[in-house]
Amino acid sequence: MNYTHYDYHELAPGAPTGRIETAYLQLLERFHYGISDGAQDLSGLVRLIHAAHEVLANPDTRRAYDARLAREAAEADSELKADLDAMPALPLRRVQDIPASLHAAY
């Protein structure tokens, strides 16, 4: 699964800039600015959060990133549609098609 910069900030795409800043600060506080505890190393995650914030905090890079996400989503939708269109149509099922022995079970 591919994560987006919005996922790292736990936000939906199109979130306002103020909400991005708030989420960024809350995440840094939650992870203690990259200090790792004995159980797990969070420095890699904090680096990803910083990188995501650099993209989302700048309006120009955010606009380009959102356009790329929209383009990738459109491509995925068209691939899915093509795959679904290529599938054979399933025959309609009617109650009359169910064997009588199964009718008695219900």
PDB file of N, CA and C in Angstrom:
ATOM      1  N   MET A   1       0.842  -1.173   0.000  1.00  0.00           N
ATOM      2  CA  MET A   1       0.000   0.000   0.000  1.00  0.00           C
ATOM      3  C   MET A   1       0.884   1.231   0.000  1.00  0.00           C
ATOM      4  N   ASN A   2       0.559   2.169  -0.849  1.00  0.00           N
ATOM      5  CA  ASN A   2       1.298   3.424  -0.908  1.00  0.00           C
ATOM      6  C   ASN A   2       0.623   4.454  -0.020  1.00  0.00           C
ATOM      7  N   TYR A   3       1.419   5.095   0.788  1.00  0.00           N
ATOM      8  CA  TYR A   3       0.907   6.141   1.660  1.00  0.00           C
ATOM      9  C   TYR A   3       1.183   7.498   1.034  1.00  0.00           C
ATOM     10  N   THR A   4       0.278   8.430   1.238  1.00  0.00           N
ATOM     11  CA  THR A   4       0.469   9.789   0.738  1.00  0.00           C
ATOM     12  C   THR A   4       0.976  10.661   1.875  1.00  0.00           C
ATOM     13  N   HIS A   5       1.391  11.860   1.516  1.00  0.00           N
ATOM     14  CA  HIS A   5       1.831  12.810   2.542  1.00  0.00           C
ATOM     15  C   HIS A   5       0.678  13.141   3.493  1.00  0.00           C
ATOM     16  N   TYR A   6      -0.525  13.120   2.981  1.00  0.00           N
ATOM     17  CA  TYR A   6      -1.691  13.379   3.832  1.00  0.00           C
ATOM     18  C   TYR A   6      -1.862  12.253   4.861  1.00  0.00           C
ATOM     19  N   ASP A   7      -1.562  11.019   4.456  1.00  0.00           N
ATOM     20  CA  ASP A   7      -1.663   9.888   5.378  1.00  0.00           C
ATOM     21  C   ASP A   7      -0.685  10.045   6.534  1.00  0.00           C
ATOM     22  N   TYR A   8       0.517  10.510   6.240  1.00  0.00           N
ATOM     23  CA  TYR A   8       1.505  10.689   7.304  1.00  0.00           C
ATOM     24  C   TYR A   8       1.077  11.759   8.298  1.00  0.00           C
ATOM     25  N   HIS A   9       0.277  12.714   7.843  1.00  0.00           N
ATOM     26  CA  HIS A   9      -0.243  13.752   8.743  1.00  0.00           C
ATOM     27  C   HIS A   9      -1.614  13.386   9.319  1.00  0.00           C
ATOM     28  N   GLU A  10      -2.125  12.226   8.925  1.00  0.00           N
ATOM     29  CA  GLU A  10      -3.444  11.751   9.364  1.00  0.00           C
ATOM     30  C   GLU A  10      -4.545  12.743   8.988  1.00  0.00           C
ATOM     31  N   LEU A  11      -4.473  13.229   7.743  1.00  0.00           N
ATOM     32  CA  LEU A  11      -5.428  14.214   7.236  1.00  0.00           C
ATOM     33  C   LEU A  11      -6.002  13.740   5.907  1.00  0.00           C
ATOM     34  N   ALA A  12      -7.143  14.317   5.553  1.00  0.00           N
ATOM     35  CA  ALA A  12      -7.732  14.061   4.238  1.00  0.00           C
ATOM     36  C   ALA A  12      -7.143  15.046   3.238  1.00  0.00           C
ATOM     37  N   PRO A  13      -7.011  14.649   1.976  1.00  0.00           N
ATOM     38  CA  PRO A  13      -6.542  15.604   0.970  1.00  0.00           C
ATOM     39  C   PRO A  13      -7.452  16.829   0.934  1.00  0.00           C
ATOM     40  N   GLY A  14      -6.840  17.975   0.714  1.00  0.00           N
ATOM     41  CA  GLY A  14      -7.605  19.214   0.684  1.00  0.00           C
ATOM     42  C   GLY A  14      -7.750  19.861   2.046  1.00  0.00           C
ATOM     43  N   ALA A  15      -7.045  19.354   3.043  1.00  0.00           N
ATOM     44  CA  ALA A  15      -7.124  19.937   4.387  1.00  0.00           C
ATOM     45  C   ALA A  15      -6.559  21.354   4.356  1.00  0.00           C
ATOM     46  N   PRO A  16      -7.125  22.252   5.150  1.00  0.00           N
ATOM     47  CA  PRO A  16      -6.606  23.626   5.173  1.00  0.00           C
ATOM     48  C   PRO A  16      -5.175  23.682   5.735  1.00  0.00           C
ATOM     49  N   THR A  17      -4.455  24.716   5.362  1.00  0.00           N
ATOM     50  CA  THR A  17      -3.060  24.861   5.753  1.00  0.00           C
ATOM     51  C   THR A  17      -2.905  24.901   7.268  1.00  0.00           C
ATOM     52  N   GLY A  18      -3.812  25.583   7.951  1.00  0.00           N
ATOM     53  CA  GLY A  18      -3.744  25.649   9.409  1.00  0.00           C
ATOM     54  C   GLY A  18      -3.861  24.280  10.050  1.00  0.00           C
ATOM     55  N   ARG A  19      -4.707  23.435   9.483  1.00  0.00           N
ATOM     56  CA  ARG A  19      -4.878  22.078  10.015  1.00  0.00           C
ATOM     57  C   ARG A  19      -3.626  21.237   9.767  1.00  0.00           C
ATOM     58  N   ILE A  20      -2.959  21.469   8.655  1.00  0.00           N
ATOM     59  CA  ILE A  20      -1.718  20.745   8.364  1.00  0.00           C
ATOM     60  C   ILE A  20      -0.654  21.102   9.391  1.00  0.00           C
ATOM     61  N   GLU A  21      -0.532  22.396   9.705  1.00  0.00           N
ATOM     62  CA  GLU A  21       0.458  22.833  10.696  1.00  0.00           C
ATOM     63  C   GLU A  21       0.146  22.237  12.066  1.00  0.00           C
ATOM     64  N   THR A  22      -1.128  22.238  12.437  1.00  0.00           N
ATOM     65  CA  THR A  22      -1.522  21.697  13.737  1.00  0.00           C
ATOM     66  C   THR A  22      -1.235  20.205  13.810  1.00  0.00           C
ATOM     67  N   ALA A  23      -1.579  19.480  12.757  1.00  0.00           N
ATOM     68  CA  ALA A  23      -1.336  18.027  12.738  1.00  0.00           C
ATOM     69  C   ALA A  23       0.155  17.745  12.802  1.00  0.00           C
ATOM     70  N   TYR A  24       0.959  18.540  12.110  1.00  0.00           N
ATOM     71  CA  TYR A  24       2.412  18.356  12.107  1.00  0.00           C
ATOM     72  C   TYR A  24       2.970  18.530  13.517  1.00  0.00           C
ATOM     73  N   LEU A  25       2.567  19.581  14.181  1.00  0.00           N
ATOM     74  CA  LEU A  25       3.065  19.823  15.539  1.00  0.00           C
ATOM     75  C   LEU A  25       2.598  18.743  16.513  1.00  0.00           C
ATOM     76  N   GLN A  26       1.368  18.284  16.355  1.00  0.00           N
ATOM     77  CA  GLN A  26       0.870  17.218  17.226  1.00  0.00           C
ATOM     78  C   GLN A  26       1.641  15.910  17.006  1.00  0.00           C
ATOM     79  N   LEU A  27       1.977  15.619  15.753  1.00  0.00           N
ATOM     80  CA  LEU A  27       2.736  14.403  15.468  1.00  0.00           C
ATOM     81  C   LEU A  27       4.153  14.492  16.040  1.00  0.00           C
ATOM     82  N   LEU A  28       4.775  15.649  15.914  1.00  0.00           N
ATOM     83  CA  LEU A  28       6.113  15.811  16.478  1.00  0.00           C
ATOM     84  C   LEU A  28       6.084  15.653  17.993  1.00  0.00           C
ATOM     85  N   GLU A  29       5.052  16.183  18.599  1.00  0.00           N
ATOM     86  CA  GLU A  29       4.918  16.042  20.053  1.00  0.00           C
ATOM     87  C   GLU A  29       4.673  14.584  20.429  1.00  0.00           C
ATOM     88  N   ARG A  30       3.845  13.896  19.662  1.00  0.00           N
ATOM     89  CA  ARG A  30       3.536  12.504  19.959  1.00  0.00           C
ATOM     90  C   ARG A  30       4.786  11.623  19.867  1.00  0.00           C
ATOM     91  N   PHE A  31       5.635  11.905  18.870  1.00  0.00           N
ATOM     92  CA  PHE A  31       6.838  11.089  18.673  1.00  0.00           C
ATOM     93  C   PHE A  31       8.070  11.697  19.325  1.00  0.00           C
ATOM     94  N   HIS A  32       7.885  12.699  20.150  1.00  0.00           N
ATOM     95  CA  HIS A  32       8.982  13.318  20.905  1.00  0.00           C
ATOM     96  C   HIS A  32      10.125  13.743  19.986  1.00  0.00           C
ATOM     97  N   TYR A  33       9.785  14.366  18.873  1.00  0.00           N
ATOM     98  CA  TYR A  33      10.748  14.911  17.916  1.00  0.00           C
ATOM     99  C   TYR A  33      11.752  13.884  17.438  1.00  0.00           C
ATOM    100  N   GLY A  34      11.342  12.649  17.268  1.00  0.00           N
ATOM    101  CA  GLY A  34      12.192  11.617  16.695  1.00  0.00           C
ATOM    102  C   GLY A  34      13.011  10.841  17.696  1.00  0.00           C
ATOM    103  N   ILE A  35      12.869  11.130  18.982  1.00  0.00           N
ATOM    104  CA  ILE A  35      13.591  10.358  19.984  1.00  0.00           C
ATOM    105  C   ILE A  35      12.949   8.986  20.055  1.00  0.00           C
ATOM    106  N   SER A  36      13.738   7.951  19.924  1.00  0.00           N
ATOM    107  CA  SER A  36      13.175   6.608  19.917  1.00  0.00           C
ATOM    108  C   SER A  36      13.171   6.023  21.318  1.00  0.00           C
ATOM    109  N   ASP A  37      12.177   5.237  21.588  1.00  0.00           N
ATOM    110  CA  ASP A  37      12.148   4.533  22.867  1.00  0.00           C
ATOM    111  C   ASP A  37      12.857   3.192  22.692  1.00  0.00           C
ATOM    112  N   GLY A  38      12.939   2.432  23.724  1.00  0.00           N
ATOM    113  CA  GLY A  38      13.660   1.167  23.652  1.00  0.00           C
ATOM    114  C   GLY A  38      12.983   0.130  22.787  1.00  0.00           C
ATOM    115  N   ALA A  39      11.672   0.229  22.613  1.00  0.00           N
ATOM    116  CA  ALA A  39      10.933  -0.798  21.899  1.00  0.00           C
ATOM    117  C   ALA A  39      11.007  -0.640  20.380  1.00  0.00           C
ATOM    118  N   GLN A  40      10.942   0.601  19.888  1.00  0.00           N
ATOM    119  CA  GLN A  40      10.932   0.783  18.445  1.00  0.00           C
ATOM    120  C   GLN A  40      11.612   2.087  18.076  1.00  0.00           C
ATOM    121  N   ASP A  41      12.162   2.117  16.883  1.00  0.00           N
ATOM    122  CA  ASP A  41      12.854   3.298  16.388  1.00  0.00           C
ATOM    123  C   ASP A  41      11.883   4.089  15.518  1.00  0.00           C
ATOM    124  N   LEU A  42      11.542   5.287  15.949  1.00  0.00           N
ATOM    125  CA  LEU A  42      10.579   6.103  15.228  1.00  0.00           C
ATOM    126  C   LEU A  42      11.244   7.151  14.347  1.00  0.00           C
ATOM    127  N   SER A  43      12.575   7.171  14.306  1.00  0.00           N
ATOM    128  CA  SER A  43      13.255   8.229  13.567  1.00  0.00           C
ATOM    129  C   SER A  43      12.913   8.182  12.078  1.00  0.00           C
ATOM    130  N   GLY A  44      12.737   7.004  11.495  1.00  0.00           N
ATOM    131  CA  GLY A  44      12.369   6.907  10.085  1.00  0.00           C
ATOM    132  C   GLY A  44      10.996   7.485   9.823  1.00  0.00           C
ATOM    133  N   LEU A  45      10.057   7.219  10.713  1.00  0.00           N
ATOM    134  CA  LEU A  45       8.711   7.754  10.566  1.00  0.00           C
ATOM    135  C   LEU A  45       8.717   9.268  10.706  1.00  0.00           C
ATOM    136  N   VAL A  46       9.495   9.770  11.645  1.00  0.00           N
ATOM    137  CA  VAL A  46       9.564  11.218  11.839  1.00  0.00           C
ATOM    138  C   VAL A  46      10.177  11.880  10.607  1.00  0.00           C
ATOM    139  N   ARG A  47      11.168  11.238   9.985  1.00  0.00           N
ATOM    140  CA  ARG A  47      11.735  11.785   8.749  1.00  0.00           C
ATOM    141  C   ARG A  47      10.682  11.845   7.652  1.00  0.00           C
ATOM    142  N   LEU A  48       9.845  10.820   7.557  1.00  0.00           N
ATOM    143  CA  LEU A  48       8.768  10.832   6.558  1.00  0.00           C
ATOM    144  C   LEU A  48       7.758  11.942   6.849  1.00  0.00           C
ATOM    145  N   ILE A  49       7.474  12.166   8.118  1.00  0.00           N
ATOM    146  CA  ILE A  49       6.545  13.233   8.499  1.00  0.00           C
ATOM    147  C   ILE A  49       7.135  14.590   8.140  1.00  0.00           C
ATOM    148  N   HIS A  50       8.425  14.785   8.399  1.00  0.00           N
ATOM    149  CA  HIS A  50       9.088  16.039   8.030  1.00  0.00           C
ATOM    150  C   HIS A  50       9.048  16.248   6.515  1.00  0.00           C
ATOM    151  N   ALA A  51       9.369  15.214   5.755  1.00  0.00           N
ATOM    152  CA  ALA A  51       9.368  15.320   4.290  1.00  0.00           C
ATOM    153  C   ALA A  51       7.963  15.642   3.776  1.00  0.00           C
ATOM    154  N   ALA A  52       6.962  15.004   4.363  1.00  0.00           N
ATOM    155  CA  ALA A  52       5.582  15.278   3.959  1.00  0.00           C
ATOM    156  C   ALA A  52       5.207  16.714   4.278  1.00  0.00           C
ATOM    157  N   HIS A  53       5.650  17.203   5.408  1.00  0.00           N
ATOM    158  CA  HIS A  53       5.318  18.573   5.797  1.00  0.00           C
ATOM    159  C   HIS A  53       5.976  19.580   4.863  1.00  0.00           C
ATOM    160  N   GLU A  54       7.195  19.302   4.421  1.00  0.00           N
ATOM    161  CA  GLU A  54       7.867  20.211   3.492  1.00  0.00           C
ATOM    162  C   GLU A  54       7.069  20.359   2.202  1.00  0.00           C
ATOM    163  N   VAL A  55       6.470  19.272   1.742  1.00  0.00           N
ATOM    164  CA  VAL A  55       5.678  19.325   0.515  1.00  0.00           C
ATOM    165  C   VAL A  55       4.345  20.031   0.767  1.00  0.00           C
ATOM    166  N   LEU A  56       3.671  19.690   1.861  1.00  0.00           N
ATOM    167  CA  LEU A  56       2.327  20.218   2.106  1.00  0.00           C
ATOM    168  C   LEU A  56       2.331  21.658   2.599  1.00  0.00           C
ATOM    169  N   ALA A  57       3.416  22.108   3.207  1.00  0.00           N
ATOM    170  CA  ALA A  57       3.458  23.470   3.752  1.00  0.00           C
ATOM    171  C   ALA A  57       3.664  24.514   2.656  1.00  0.00           C
ATOM    172  N   ASN A  58       4.298  24.147   1.562  1.00  0.00           N
ATOM    173  CA  ASN A  58       4.545  25.070   0.458  1.00  0.00           C
ATOM    174  C   ASN A  58       3.386  24.987  -0.532  1.00  0.00           C
ATOM    175  N   PRO A  59       2.689  26.104  -0.790  1.00  0.00           N
ATOM    176  CA  PRO A  59       1.511  26.041  -1.675  1.00  0.00           C
ATOM    177  C   PRO A  59       1.823  25.552  -3.093  1.00  0.00           C
ATOM    178  N   ASP A  60       2.980  25.916  -3.626  1.00  0.00           N
ATOM    179  CA  ASP A  60       3.311  25.493  -4.995  1.00  0.00           C
ATOM    180  C   ASP A  60       3.584  23.999  -5.077  1.00  0.00           C
ATOM    181  N   THR A  61       4.390  23.488  -4.146  1.00  0.00           N
ATOM    182  CA  THR A  61       4.679  22.052  -4.178  1.00  0.00           C
ATOM    183  C   THR A  61       3.442  21.245  -3.821  1.00  0.00           C
ATOM    184  N   ARG A  62       2.608  21.790  -2.953  1.00  0.00           N
ATOM    185  CA  ARG A  62       1.371  21.088  -2.593  1.00  0.00           C
ATOM    186  C   ARG A  62       0.445  21.001  -3.801  1.00  0.00           C
ATOM    187  N   ARG A  63       0.336  22.079  -4.568  1.00  0.00           N
ATOM    188  CA  ARG A  63      -0.523  22.085  -5.752  1.00  0.00           C
ATOM    189  C   ARG A  63      -0.033  21.039  -6.762  1.00  0.00           C
ATOM    190  N   ALA A  64       1.287  20.985  -6.971  1.00  0.00           N
ATOM    191  CA  ALA A  64       1.839  20.000  -7.901  1.00  0.00           C
ATOM    192  C   ALA A  64       1.620  18.574  -7.373  1.00  0.00           C
ATOM    193  N   TYR A  65       1.780  18.384  -6.060  1.00  0.00           N
ATOM    194  CA  TYR A  65       1.579  17.069  -5.455  1.00  0.00           C
ATOM    195  C   TYR A  65       0.122  16.638  -5.578  1.00  0.00           C
ATOM    196  N   ASP A  66      -0.813  17.550  -5.314  1.00  0.00           N
ATOM    197  CA  ASP A  66      -2.232  17.227  -5.444  1.00  0.00           C
ATOM    198  C   ASP A  66      -2.590  16.869  -6.882  1.00  0.00           C
ATOM    199  N   ALA A  67      -1.978  17.572  -7.842  1.00  0.00           N
ATOM    200  CA  ALA A  67      -2.237  17.266  -9.254  1.00  0.00           C
ATOM    201  C   ALA A  67      -1.716  15.869  -9.589  1.00  0.00           C
ATOM    202  N   ARG A  68      -0.555  15.517  -9.062  1.00  0.00           N
ATOM    203  CA  ARG A  68      -0.004  14.181  -9.311  1.00  0.00           C
ATOM    204  C   ARG A  68      -0.893  13.102  -8.688  1.00  0.00           C
ATOM    205  N   LEU A  69      -1.392  13.356  -7.466  1.00  0.00           N
ATOM    206  CA  LEU A  69      -2.300  12.396  -6.828  1.00  0.00           C
ATOM    207  C   LEU A  69      -3.572  12.224  -7.641  1.00  0.00           C
ATOM    208  N   ALA A  70      -4.128  13.331  -8.142  1.00  0.00           N
ATOM    209  CA  ALA A  70      -5.348  13.258  -8.945  1.00  0.00           C
ATOM    210  C   ALA A  70      -5.098  12.481 -10.225  1.00  0.00           C
ATOM    211  N   ARG A  71      -3.940  12.708 -10.863  1.00  0.00           N
ATOM    212  CA  ARG A  71      -3.601  12.000 -12.092  1.00  0.00           C
ATOM    213  C   ARG A  71      -3.451  10.503 -11.831  1.00  0.00           C
ATOM    214  N   GLU A  72      -2.778  10.138 -10.734  1.00  0.00           N
ATOM    215  CA  GLU A  72      -2.608   8.720 -10.399  1.00  0.00           C
ATOM    216  C   GLU A  72      -3.946   8.062 -10.084  1.00  0.00           C
ATOM    217  N   ALA A  73      -4.830   8.794  -9.402  1.00  0.00           N
ATOM    218  CA  ALA A  73      -6.156   8.245  -9.078  1.00  0.00           C
ATOM    219  C   ALA A  73      -6.970   8.027 -10.349  1.00  0.00           C
ATOM    220  N   ALA A  74      -6.883   8.966 -11.286  1.00  0.00           N
ATOM    221  CA  ALA A  74      -7.615   8.819 -12.548  1.00  0.00           C
ATOM    222  C   ALA A  74      -7.095   7.618 -13.336  1.00  0.00           C
ATOM    223  N   GLU A  75      -5.770   7.427 -13.336  1.00  0.00           N
ATOM    224  CA  GLU A  75      -5.204   6.265 -14.034  1.00  0.00           C
ATOM    225  C   GLU A  75      -5.647   4.960 -13.386  1.00  0.00           C
ATOM    226  N   ALA A  76      -5.659   4.924 -12.061  1.00  0.00           N
ATOM    227  CA  ALA A  76      -6.094   3.710 -11.359  1.00  0.00           C
ATOM    228  C   ALA A  76      -7.565   3.429 -11.625  1.00  0.00           C
ATOM    229  N   ASP A  77      -8.380   4.488 -11.663  1.00  0.00           N
ATOM    230  CA  ASP A  77      -9.803   4.304 -11.952  1.00  0.00           C
ATOM    231  C   ASP A  77     -10.015   3.758 -13.357  1.00  0.00           C
ATOM    232  N   SER A  78      -9.260   4.284 -14.318  1.00  0.00           N
ATOM    233  CA  SER A  78      -9.438   3.802 -15.692  1.00  0.00           C
ATOM    234  C   SER A  78      -8.974   2.358 -15.830  1.00  0.00           C
ATOM    235  N   GLU A  79      -7.893   1.976 -15.123  1.00  0.00           N
ATOM    236  CA  GLU A  79      -7.447   0.580 -15.153  1.00  0.00           C
ATOM    237  C   GLU A  79      -8.500  -0.343 -14.543  1.00  0.00           C
ATOM    238  N   LEU A  80      -9.067   0.076 -13.425  1.00  0.00           N
ATOM    239  CA  LEU A  80     -10.101  -0.730 -12.780  1.00  0.00           C
ATOM    240  C   LEU A  80     -11.324  -0.860 -13.683  1.00  0.00           C
ATOM    241  N   LYS A  81     -11.727   0.243 -14.309  1.00  0.00           N
ATOM    242  CA  LYS A  81     -12.878   0.193 -15.207  1.00  0.00           C
ATOM    243  C   LYS A  81     -12.608  -0.750 -16.371  1.00  0.00           C
ATOM    244  N   ALA A  82     -11.402  -0.691 -16.933  1.00  0.00           N
ATOM    245  CA  ALA A  82     -11.063  -1.584 -18.046  1.00  0.00           C
ATOM    246  C   ALA A  82     -11.092  -3.043 -17.593  1.00  0.00           C
ATOM    247  N   ASP A  83     -10.578  -3.314 -16.393  1.00  0.00           N
ATOM    248  CA  ASP A  83     -10.608  -4.687 -15.879  1.00  0.00           C
ATOM    249  C   ASP A  83     -12.035  -5.165 -15.647  1.00  0.00           C
ATOM    250  N   LEU A  84     -12.870  -4.309 -15.107  1.00  0.00           N
ATOM    251  CA  LEU A  84     -14.265  -4.691 -14.863  1.00  0.00           C
ATOM    252  C   LEU A  84     -15.033  -4.879 -16.169  1.00  0.00           C
ATOM    253  N   ASP A  85     -14.735  -4.024 -17.153  1.00  0.00           N
ATOM    254  CA  ASP A  85     -15.404  -4.169 -18.452  1.00  0.00           C
ATOM    255  C   ASP A  85     -14.978  -5.448 -19.165  1.00  0.00           C
ATOM    256  N   ALA A  86     -13.756  -5.909 -18.902  1.00  0.00           N
ATOM    257  CA  ALA A  86     -13.257  -7.116 -19.553  1.00  0.00           C
ATOM    258  C   ALA A  86     -13.818  -8.390 -18.931  1.00  0.00           C
ATOM    259  N   MET A  87     -14.360  -8.296 -17.742  1.00  0.00           N
ATOM    260  CA  MET A  87     -14.921  -9.477 -17.078  1.00  0.00           C
ATOM    261  C   MET A  87     -16.206  -9.904 -17.786  1.00  0.00           C
ATOM    262  N   PRO A  88     -16.430 -11.188 -17.902  1.00  0.00           N
ATOM    263  CA  PRO A  88     -17.679 -11.643 -18.525  1.00  0.00           C
ATOM    264  C   PRO A  88     -18.863 -11.308 -17.610  1.00  0.00           C
ATOM    265  N   ALA A  89     -19.967 -11.020 -18.252  1.00  0.00           N
ATOM    266  CA  ALA A  89     -21.174 -10.712 -17.493  1.00  0.00           C
ATOM    267  C   ALA A  89     -21.700 -11.972 -16.829  1.00  0.00           C
ATOM    268  N   LEU A  90     -22.056 -11.854 -15.587  1.00  0.00           N
ATOM    269  CA  LEU A  90     -22.613 -12.996 -14.862  1.00  0.00           C
ATOM    270  C   LEU A  90     -24.091 -13.135 -15.195  1.00  0.00           C
ATOM    271  N   PRO A  91     -24.564 -14.349 -15.345  1.00  0.00           N
ATOM    272  CA  PRO A  91     -25.994 -14.519 -15.639  1.00  0.00           C
ATOM    273  C   PRO A  91     -26.831 -14.111 -14.425  1.00  0.00           C
ATOM    274  N   LEU A  92     -28.000 -13.574 -14.702  1.00  0.00           N
ATOM    275  CA  LEU A  92     -28.900 -13.197 -13.624  1.00  0.00           C
ATOM    276  C   LEU A  92     -29.433 -14.451 -12.948  1.00  0.00           C
ATOM    277  N   ARG A  93     -29.571 -14.402 -11.659  1.00  0.00           N
ATOM    278  CA  ARG A  93     -30.093 -15.551 -10.919  1.00  0.00           C
ATOM    279  C   ARG A  93     -31.501 -15.228 -10.464  1.00  0.00           C
ATOM    280  N   ARG A  94     -32.369 -16.190 -10.620  1.00  0.00           N
ATOM    281  CA  ARG A  94     -33.748 -16.018 -10.199  1.00  0.00           C
ATOM    282  C   ARG A  94     -34.066 -17.074  -9.157  1.00  0.00           C
ATOM    283  N   VAL A  95     -35.088 -16.858  -8.426  1.00  0.00           N
ATOM    284  CA  VAL A  95     -35.504 -17.819  -7.408  1.00  0.00           C
ATOM    285  C   VAL A  95     -35.829 -19.156  -8.060  1.00  0.00           C
ATOM    286  N   GLN A  96     -36.358 -19.126  -9.270  1.00  0.00           N
ATOM    287  CA  GLN A  96     -36.718 -20.355  -9.951  1.00  0.00           C
ATOM    288  C   GLN A  96     -35.485 -21.209 -10.274  1.00  0.00           C
ATOM    289  N   ASP A  97     -34.287 -20.578 -10.316  1.00  0.00           N
ATOM    290  CA  ASP A  97     -33.074 -21.307 -10.638  1.00  0.00           C
ATOM    291  C   ASP A  97     -32.526 -22.088  -9.447  1.00  0.00           C
ATOM    292  N   ILE A  98     -33.008 -21.804  -8.246  1.00  0.00           N
ATOM    293  CA  ILE A  98     -32.512 -22.480  -7.049  1.00  0.00           C
ATOM    294  C   ILE A  98     -33.188 -23.843  -6.943  1.00  0.00           C
ATOM    295  N   PRO A  99     -32.419 -24.893  -6.711  1.00  0.00           N
ATOM    296  CA  PRO A  99     -33.028 -26.235  -6.610  1.00  0.00           C
ATOM    297  C   PRO A  99     -34.051 -26.291  -5.469  1.00  0.00           C
ATOM    298  N   ALA A 100     -35.079 -27.097  -5.683  1.00  0.00           N
ATOM    299  CA  ALA A 100     -36.167 -27.221  -4.697  1.00  0.00           C
ATOM    300  C   ALA A 100     -35.658 -27.741  -3.364  1.00  0.00           C
ATOM    301  N   SER A 101     -34.608 -28.529  -3.360  1.00  0.00           N
ATOM    302  CA  SER A 101     -34.091 -29.081  -2.092  1.00  0.00           C
ATOM    303  C   SER A 101     -33.553 -27.948  -1.204  1.00  0.00           C
ATOM    304  N   LEU A 102     -33.076 -26.878  -1.794  1.00  0.00           N
ATOM    305  CA  LEU A 102     -32.582 -25.758  -0.990  1.00  0.00           C
ATOM    306  C   LEU A 102     -33.727 -24.893  -0.470  1.00  0.00           C
ATOM    307  N   HIS A 103     -34.851 -24.876  -1.175  1.00  0.00           N
ATOM    308  CA  HIS A 103     -36.006 -24.113  -0.716  1.00  0.00           C
ATOM    309  C   HIS A 103     -36.491 -24.631   0.622  1.00  0.00           C
ATOM    310  N   ALA A 104     -36.475 -25.939   0.780  1.00  0.00           N
ATOM    311  CA  ALA A 104     -37.001 -26.559   2.001  1.00  0.00           C
ATOM    312  C   ALA A 104     -36.120 -26.242   3.206  1.00  0.00           C
ATOM    313  N   ALA A 105     -34.854 -25.963   2.970  1.00  0.00           N
ATOM    314  CA  ALA A 105     -33.929 -25.676   4.076  1.00  0.00           C
ATOM    315  C   ALA A 105     -34.257 -24.349   4.738  1.00  0.00           C
ATOM    316  N   TYR A 106     -34.885 -23.472   4.032  1.00  0.00           N
ATOM    317  CA  TYR A 106     -35.206 -22.163   4.595  1.00  0.00           C
ATOM    318  C   TYR A 106     -36.653 -22.119   4.917  1.00  0.00           C
TER     319      TYR A 106
END
